[in-house]
Structures are given as structure tokens and as C-alpha cells.
């Protein structure tokens, strides 16, 4: 979940940083824990739904959370600010599930699993021109836990005083 912020002190960012820290400190630990639990359930379901032929794809499914911040993020007052496209946003909880890794090659077709993941998930034509239906292992995992995720987001917002 990302909430956008505007600077309010003509570019010095001091006031914004203080407000972000205050905001982040206001989120209950229970709400953060519930969001993490839901993302773990989605991750486990994605693994369970992933078709296994050689095992190379399922082994690349990863859950990245705010404890493993990507390079695009930088620390600000104990939270994280993502920058891009001229906008800044604070991540309350960063849960990202990925499948595929350029360094992991599927031994059956010699493709990096980043390419193979998209073909498996979205479907593709085989060499004979036949359409192979996709197995929506990521999308279906999110769909299966959509209500739980919405409830966890609502709880996080309520812990901040939203109605």
C-alpha cells in the first residue's frame, strides 16, 4: 500500500520527514503483522499453484518485504520513500512477490526463468503453433486472498484513525 505525500515546507523536507516518521510510528504492530501474514499466505499459495516440471520456476518465487528494501527506496525518518516520475510515496508495507530469475535457466528450454515465468503464467504458443493456456499461479494466489488483504489494509488504515 502506498500513500503519496506532498512537501509542505518549500523543499527543505524537514517537516515532511517529521510528519512521515510520526505517521509511520502510528501504525499498530498488529496491523503490520496482519499485512505480513496475508502476503505470506499469498506467497505460499503462489508456490502451491505453480506448475512443476523441472522445478526451476517454482524455486525462483520470492516474497520481498519492507525488510528487504530494493535499490529504488531510501530511508527517511524510519520509513521508506519511493521516488519515481517526480512523485514521492511512503510505503506502509512493501510486499512484493516475484517469479523468475535471470540467473536461473530452465534446463528444458534453456530460457531464463524470468522469460519462462511469463510464458507459464500468461500462456504461449508452442513450436507447433498450439496455444498453451497459462497457469495464473500469481494472479490466482492474490485473488484467493483478496478479501483478507482488503481487511488487513482497512485495519492498517483504522490503526491510523481512518474511518
C-alpha atoms as a PDB file:
ATOM      1  CA  UNK A   1       0.000   0.000   0.000  1.00  0.00           C
ATOM      2  CA  UNK A   2       1.390   3.394  -0.914  1.00  0.00           C
ATOM      3  CA  UNK A   3       0.223   6.792   0.251  1.00  0.00           C
ATOM      4  CA  UNK A   4       1.508   9.826  -1.643  1.00  0.00           C
ATOM      5  CA  UNK A   5       2.777  12.897   0.173  1.00  0.00           C
ATOM      6  CA  UNK A   6       3.396  16.467  -0.917  1.00  0.00           C
ATOM      7  CA  UNK A   7       6.184  18.536   0.546  1.00  0.00           C
ATOM      8  CA  UNK A   8       4.811  21.306   2.695  1.00  0.00           C
ATOM      9  CA  UNK A   9       7.876  23.357   3.566  1.00  0.00           C
ATOM     10  CA  UNK A  10       9.174  24.641   0.234  1.00  0.00           C
ATOM     11  CA  UNK A  11      11.660  21.845  -0.406  1.00  0.00           C
ATOM     12  CA  UNK A  12      13.569  21.540   2.866  1.00  0.00           C
ATOM     13  CA  UNK A  13      11.833  18.223   3.562  1.00  0.00           C
ATOM     14  CA  UNK A  14      12.344  18.589   7.323  1.00  0.00           C
ATOM     15  CA  UNK A  15       8.673  18.985   8.121  1.00  0.00           C
ATOM     16  CA  UNK A  16       7.754  16.222   5.690  1.00  0.00           C
ATOM     17  CA  UNK A  17      10.294  13.847   7.242  1.00  0.00           C
ATOM     18  CA  UNK A  18       8.971  14.561  10.741  1.00  0.00           C
ATOM     19  CA  UNK A  19       5.387  14.009   9.609  1.00  0.00           C
ATOM     20  CA  UNK A  20       6.317  10.769   7.828  1.00  0.00           C
ATOM     21  CA  UNK A  21       8.047   9.447  10.944  1.00  0.00           C
ATOM     22  CA  UNK A  22       5.058  10.387  13.102  1.00  0.00           C
ATOM     23  CA  UNK A  23       2.738   8.740  10.592  1.00  0.00           C
ATOM     24  CA  UNK A  24       4.805   5.516  10.404  1.00  0.00           C
ATOM     25  CA  UNK A  25       5.074   5.286  14.197  1.00  0.00           C
ATOM     26  CA  UNK A  26       1.273   5.485  14.418  1.00  0.00           C
ATOM     27  CA  UNK A  27       0.634   2.232  12.559  1.00  0.00           C
ATOM     28  CA  UNK A  28      -0.052  -0.559  15.000  1.00  0.00           C
ATOM     29  CA  UNK A  29       2.268  -3.547  15.087  1.00  0.00           C
ATOM     30  CA  UNK A  30      -0.799  -5.782  14.870  1.00  0.00           C
ATOM     31  CA  UNK A  31      -1.792  -4.155  11.581  1.00  0.00           C
ATOM     32  CA  UNK A  32       1.719  -4.550  10.165  1.00  0.00           C
ATOM     33  CA  UNK A  33       1.832  -8.179  11.319  1.00  0.00           C
ATOM     34  CA  UNK A  34      -1.548  -8.932   9.709  1.00  0.00           C
ATOM     35  CA  UNK A  35      -0.393  -7.492   6.378  1.00  0.00           C
ATOM     36  CA  UNK A  36       2.714  -9.673   6.528  1.00  0.00           C
ATOM     37  CA  UNK A  37       0.618 -12.751   7.354  1.00  0.00           C
ATOM     38  CA  UNK A  38      -1.631 -12.158   4.346  1.00  0.00           C
ATOM     39  CA  UNK A  39       1.342 -11.675   1.998  1.00  0.00           C
ATOM     40  CA  UNK A  40       2.868 -14.909   3.336  1.00  0.00           C
ATOM     41  CA  UNK A  41      -0.399 -16.730   2.604  1.00  0.00           C
ATOM     42  CA  UNK A  42      -0.419 -15.306  -0.935  1.00  0.00           C
ATOM     43  CA  UNK A  43       3.220 -16.332  -1.400  1.00  0.00           C
ATOM     44  CA  UNK A  44       2.550 -19.895  -0.186  1.00  0.00           C
ATOM     45  CA  UNK A  45      -0.473 -20.182  -2.461  1.00  0.00           C
ATOM     46  CA  UNK A  46       1.566 -18.964  -5.456  1.00  0.00           C
ATOM     47  CA  UNK A  47       4.107 -21.703  -4.785  1.00  0.00           C
ATOM     48  CA  UNK A  48       1.354 -24.306  -4.415  1.00  0.00           C
ATOM     49  CA  UNK A  49      -0.303 -23.158  -7.674  1.00  0.00           C
ATOM     50  CA  UNK A  50       2.909 -23.045  -9.733  1.00  0.00           C
ATOM     51  CA  UNK A  51       3.176 -25.953 -12.161  1.00  0.00           C
ATOM     52  CA  UNK A  52       6.283 -28.031 -11.571  1.00  0.00           C
ATOM     53  CA  UNK A  53       8.090 -29.656 -14.467  1.00  0.00           C
ATOM     54  CA  UNK A  54      11.792 -29.150 -13.790  1.00  0.00           C
ATOM     55  CA  UNK A  55      11.350 -27.188 -10.553  1.00  0.00           C
ATOM     56  CA  UNK A  56      13.373 -24.278 -11.888  1.00  0.00           C
ATOM     57  CA  UNK A  57      10.446 -21.812 -11.890  1.00  0.00           C
ATOM     58  CA  UNK A  58       8.900 -22.632  -8.521  1.00  0.00           C
ATOM     59  CA  UNK A  59      12.319 -22.263  -6.922  1.00  0.00           C
ATOM     60  CA  UNK A  60      12.500 -18.635  -8.042  1.00  0.00           C
ATOM     61  CA  UNK A  61       9.240 -17.470  -6.467  1.00  0.00           C
ATOM     62  CA  UNK A  62      10.230 -14.961  -3.812  1.00  0.00           C
ATOM     63  CA  UNK A  63       8.450 -12.769  -1.291  1.00  0.00           C
ATOM     64  CA  UNK A  64      10.186  -9.452  -0.711  1.00  0.00           C
ATOM     65  CA  UNK A  65       9.005  -7.360   2.219  1.00  0.00           C
ATOM     66  CA  UNK A  66       9.959  -3.997   3.637  1.00  0.00           C
ATOM     67  CA  UNK A  67      12.817  -5.651   5.499  1.00  0.00           C
ATOM     68  CA  UNK A  68      14.477  -6.251   2.133  1.00  0.00           C
ATOM     69  CA  UNK A  69      14.217  -2.796   0.561  1.00  0.00           C
ATOM     70  CA  UNK A  70      15.004  -2.529  -3.131  1.00  0.00           C
ATOM     71  CA  UNK A  71      17.553  -0.088  -4.514  1.00  0.00           C
ATOM     72  CA  UNK A  72      14.873   2.419  -5.583  1.00  0.00           C
ATOM     73  CA  UNK A  73      13.999   3.056  -1.948  1.00  0.00           C
ATOM     74  CA  UNK A  74      15.868   5.148   0.556  1.00  0.00           C
ATOM     75  CA  UNK A  75      15.345   5.569   4.273  1.00  0.00           C
ATOM     76  CA  UNK A  76      13.633   8.675   5.581  1.00  0.00           C
ATOM     77  CA  UNK A  77      12.861   9.009   9.260  1.00  0.00           C
ATOM     78  CA  UNK A  78      12.468   5.272   9.848  1.00  0.00           C
ATOM     79  CA  UNK A  79      10.185   4.738   6.850  1.00  0.00           C
ATOM     80  CA  UNK A  80      10.809   4.442   3.149  1.00  0.00           C
ATOM     81  CA  UNK A  81      10.296   6.926   0.375  1.00  0.00           C
ATOM     82  CA  UNK A  82       9.989   5.618  -3.162  1.00  0.00           C
ATOM     83  CA  UNK A  83      10.846   8.119  -5.833  1.00  0.00           C
ATOM     84  CA  UNK A  84       9.972   7.975  -9.486  1.00  0.00           C
ATOM     85  CA  UNK A  85       8.213  10.047 -12.088  1.00  0.00           C
ATOM     86  CA  UNK A  86       8.560  13.190  -9.966  1.00  0.00           C
ATOM     87  CA  UNK A  87       6.420  11.697  -7.198  1.00  0.00           C
ATOM     88  CA  UNK A  88       7.250  10.519  -3.719  1.00  0.00           C
ATOM     89  CA  UNK A  89       5.330   7.916  -1.790  1.00  0.00           C
ATOM     90  CA  UNK A  90       5.693   6.289   1.600  1.00  0.00           C
ATOM     91  CA  UNK A  91       5.450   2.535   1.818  1.00  0.00           C
ATOM     92  CA  UNK A  92       3.475   1.402   4.865  1.00  0.00           C
ATOM     93  CA  UNK A  93       4.116  -2.217   3.970  1.00  0.00           C
ATOM     94  CA  UNK A  94       6.019  -3.367   0.918  1.00  0.00           C
ATOM     95  CA  UNK A  95       5.002  -6.880  -0.045  1.00  0.00           C
ATOM     96  CA  UNK A  96       6.132  -7.983  -3.490  1.00  0.00           C
ATOM     97  CA  UNK A  97       6.011 -11.486  -4.899  1.00  0.00           C
ATOM     98  CA  UNK A  98       8.155 -12.228  -7.930  1.00  0.00           C
ATOM     99  CA  UNK A  99       8.706 -15.275 -10.092  1.00  0.00           C
ATOM    100  CA  UNK A 100      11.730 -15.835 -12.275  1.00  0.00           C
ATOM    101  CA  UNK A 101      15.417 -15.033 -12.058  1.00  0.00           C
ATOM    102  CA  UNK A 102      17.733 -14.145 -14.956  1.00  0.00           C
ATOM    103  CA  UNK A 103      20.456 -16.268 -13.350  1.00  0.00           C
ATOM    104  CA  UNK A 104      18.263 -19.395 -13.185  1.00  0.00           C
ATOM    105  CA  UNK A 105      17.909 -21.167 -16.522  1.00  0.00           C
ATOM    106  CA  UNK A 106      15.147 -23.661 -17.201  1.00  0.00           C
ATOM    107  CA  UNK A 107      17.083 -26.789 -18.264  1.00  0.00           C
ATOM    108  CA  UNK A 108      14.303 -27.978 -20.571  1.00  0.00           C
ATOM    109  CA  UNK A 109      14.235 -24.935 -22.876  1.00  0.00           C
ATOM    110  CA  UNK A 110      17.410 -23.035 -21.879  1.00  0.00           C
ATOM    111  CA  UNK A 111      15.382 -19.888 -21.099  1.00  0.00           C
ATOM    112  CA  UNK A 112      15.987 -17.623 -18.141  1.00  0.00           C
ATOM    113  CA  UNK A 113      13.163 -18.250 -15.719  1.00  0.00           C
ATOM    114  CA  UNK A 114      12.194 -14.563 -15.929  1.00  0.00           C
ATOM    115  CA  UNK A 115      11.039 -15.209 -19.505  1.00  0.00           C
ATOM    116  CA  UNK A 116       9.721 -18.673 -18.719  1.00  0.00           C
ATOM    117  CA  UNK A 117       7.625 -17.343 -15.800  1.00  0.00           C
ATOM    118  CA  UNK A 118       5.687 -15.022 -18.103  1.00  0.00           C
ATOM    119  CA  UNK A 119       5.076 -17.822 -20.623  1.00  0.00           C
ATOM    120  CA  UNK A 120       3.828 -20.213 -17.941  1.00  0.00           C
ATOM    121  CA  UNK A 121       1.698 -17.607 -16.184  1.00  0.00           C
ATOM    122  CA  UNK A 122       0.168 -15.882 -19.204  1.00  0.00           C
ATOM    123  CA  UNK A 123       0.153 -18.672 -21.772  1.00  0.00           C
ATOM    124  CA  UNK A 124       2.063 -19.033 -25.038  1.00  0.00           C
ATOM    125  CA  UNK A 125       2.226 -20.738 -28.414  1.00  0.00           C
ATOM    126  CA  UNK A 126       4.401 -23.826 -28.582  1.00  0.00           C
ATOM    127  CA  UNK A 127       6.734 -24.540 -31.514  1.00  0.00           C
ATOM    128  CA  UNK A 128       3.953 -26.333 -33.371  1.00  0.00           C
ATOM    129  CA  UNK A 129       1.732 -23.236 -33.126  1.00  0.00           C
ATOM    130  CA  UNK A 130      -0.610 -24.654 -30.484  1.00  0.00           C
ATOM    131  CA  UNK A 131      -1.810 -22.338 -27.732  1.00  0.00           C
ATOM    132  CA  UNK A 132      -0.784 -23.458 -24.256  1.00  0.00           C
ATOM    133  CA  UNK A 133      -3.084 -21.981 -21.618  1.00  0.00           C
ATOM    134  CA  UNK A 134      -1.436 -20.036 -18.846  1.00  0.00           C
ATOM    135  CA  UNK A 135      -1.484 -21.125 -15.230  1.00  0.00           C
ATOM    136  CA  UNK A 136      -2.194 -17.940 -13.294  1.00  0.00           C
ATOM    137  CA  UNK A 137      -0.287 -19.042 -10.205  1.00  0.00           C
ATOM    138  CA  UNK A 138       0.443 -15.466  -9.064  1.00  0.00           C
ATOM    139  CA  UNK A 139      -2.863 -13.838 -10.019  1.00  0.00           C
ATOM    140  CA  UNK A 140      -4.911 -16.706  -8.582  1.00  0.00           C
ATOM    141  CA  UNK A 141      -2.972 -16.529  -5.299  1.00  0.00           C
ATOM    142  CA  UNK A 142      -3.786 -12.841  -4.926  1.00  0.00           C
ATOM    143  CA  UNK A 143      -7.404 -13.402  -5.940  1.00  0.00           C
ATOM    144  CA  UNK A 144      -7.760 -16.179  -3.351  1.00  0.00           C
ATOM    145  CA  UNK A 145      -6.703 -13.800  -0.570  1.00  0.00           C
ATOM    146  CA  UNK A 146      -8.161 -10.548  -1.894  1.00  0.00           C
ATOM    147  CA  UNK A 147     -10.743 -10.179   0.874  1.00  0.00           C
ATOM    148  CA  UNK A 148      -8.140 -10.881   3.581  1.00  0.00           C
ATOM    149  CA  UNK A 149      -5.798  -8.337   2.000  1.00  0.00           C
ATOM    150  CA  UNK A 150      -8.533  -5.684   1.857  1.00  0.00           C
ATOM    151  CA  UNK A 151      -9.412  -6.347   5.510  1.00  0.00           C
ATOM    152  CA  UNK A 152      -5.739  -6.082   6.537  1.00  0.00           C
ATOM    153  CA  UNK A 153      -5.389  -2.785   4.642  1.00  0.00           C
ATOM    154  CA  UNK A 154      -8.580  -1.481   6.274  1.00  0.00           C
ATOM    155  CA  UNK A 155      -7.219  -2.474   9.705  1.00  0.00           C
ATOM    156  CA  UNK A 156      -3.939  -0.657   8.989  1.00  0.00           C
ATOM    157  CA  UNK A 157      -5.848   2.473   7.991  1.00  0.00           C
ATOM    158  CA  UNK A 158      -8.074   2.231  11.072  1.00  0.00           C
ATOM    159  CA  UNK A 159      -4.986   1.952  13.266  1.00  0.00           C
ATOM    160  CA  UNK A 160      -4.102   5.388  11.855  1.00  0.00           C
ATOM    161  CA  UNK A 161      -7.512   6.787  12.729  1.00  0.00           C
ATOM    162  CA  UNK A 162      -9.225   6.437   9.345  1.00  0.00           C
ATOM    163  CA  UNK A 163     -12.889   5.522   9.349  1.00  0.00           C
END
